[in-house]
Protein backbone atom coordinates (compact mmCIF):
# COMPACT_ATOMS: atom_id res chain seq x y z
CA UNK A 1 25.58 35.45 -4.80
CA UNK A 2 26.79 31.28 -4.57
CA UNK A 3 27.09 32.06 -1.40
CA UNK A 4 23.05 33.46 -1.18
CA UNK A 5 22.83 30.24 -2.46
CA UNK A 6 23.64 27.57 -0.98
CA UNK A 7 21.54 29.13 1.97
CA UNK A 8 18.64 29.22 -0.30
CA UNK A 9 19.79 25.11 -1.41
CA UNK A 10 20.25 24.08 2.77
CA UNK A 11 16.39 26.10 3.35
CA UNK A 12 15.52 23.99 1.26
CA UNK A 13 16.59 20.57 1.74
CA UNK A 14 16.13 21.11 5.46
CA UNK A 15 12.66 22.37 4.66
CA UNK A 16 11.89 18.85 3.08
CA UNK A 17 13.53 17.18 5.81
CA UNK A 18 11.86 18.34 8.60
CA UNK A 19 7.90 18.81 6.05
CA UNK A 20 8.74 15.57 4.96
CA UNK A 21 9.46 13.49 8.87
CA UNK A 22 6.72 16.24 10.26
CA UNK A 23 3.38 14.45 7.87
CA UNK A 24 5.06 11.00 6.90
CA UNK A 25 4.75 7.93 9.81
CA UNK A 26 8.70 7.86 9.21
CA UNK A 27 11.03 9.52 12.04
CA UNK A 28 13.51 12.96 11.31
CA UNK A 29 16.24 10.25 11.24
CA UNK A 30 14.53 7.72 8.38
CA UNK A 31 13.42 11.22 6.67
CA UNK A 32 17.17 11.99 6.32
CA UNK A 33 17.89 8.85 4.86
CA UNK A 34 15.29 9.36 2.41
CA UNK A 35 15.53 13.39 1.91
CA UNK A 36 17.66 12.96 -1.26
CA UNK A 37 15.06 10.69 -2.95
CA UNK A 38 11.90 13.33 -1.62
CA UNK A 39 14.33 15.87 -3.67
CA UNK A 40 14.58 13.81 -7.01
CA UNK A 41 11.14 13.19 -6.84
CA UNK A 42 9.65 17.01 -6.21
CA UNK A 43 12.55 17.78 -8.56
CA UNK A 44 11.24 15.74 -11.12
CA UNK A 45 7.86 17.09 -10.47
CA UNK A 46 9.02 20.91 -10.45
CA UNK A 47 9.89 19.50 -13.46
CA UNK A 48 6.94 18.10 -15.40
CA UNK A 49 4.49 21.12 -13.76
CA UNK A 50 7.01 23.98 -15.38
CA UNK A 51 7.15 21.77 -19.00
CA UNK A 52 3.11 21.79 -19.27
CA UNK A 53 3.23 25.76 -17.98
CA UNK A 54 5.59 26.32 -21.39
CA UNK A 55 2.87 23.85 -23.24
CA UNK A 56 0.64 25.82 -22.75
CA UNK A 57 1.74 29.24 -22.62
CA UNK A 58 3.40 28.28 -26.51
CA UNK A 59 -0.17 26.58 -27.29
CA UNK A 60 -1.92 30.11 -26.44
CA UNK A 61 0.85 32.76 -27.93
CA UNK A 62 0.48 29.76 -30.98
CA UNK A 63 -3.50 30.61 -31.31
CA UNK A 64 -3.11 34.65 -30.49
CA UNK A 65 -0.57 34.70 -33.30
CA UNK A 66 -3.65 32.83 -36.08
CA UNK A 67 -6.50 35.34 -35.53
């Protein structure tokens, strides 16, 4: 299980590195330095999205319980 998780994490980091270099003006070397920042930004975005999904879901569930 731990090995699969490590492989998935490595693939995600590589994908962010390569896609980031492809869609920005940065070279692969420059993007390698910026990849940790990109990972933090994408992680923060995912956390905010998950928080809002939970808020909306709980709100909708609360409304259906009241009726």
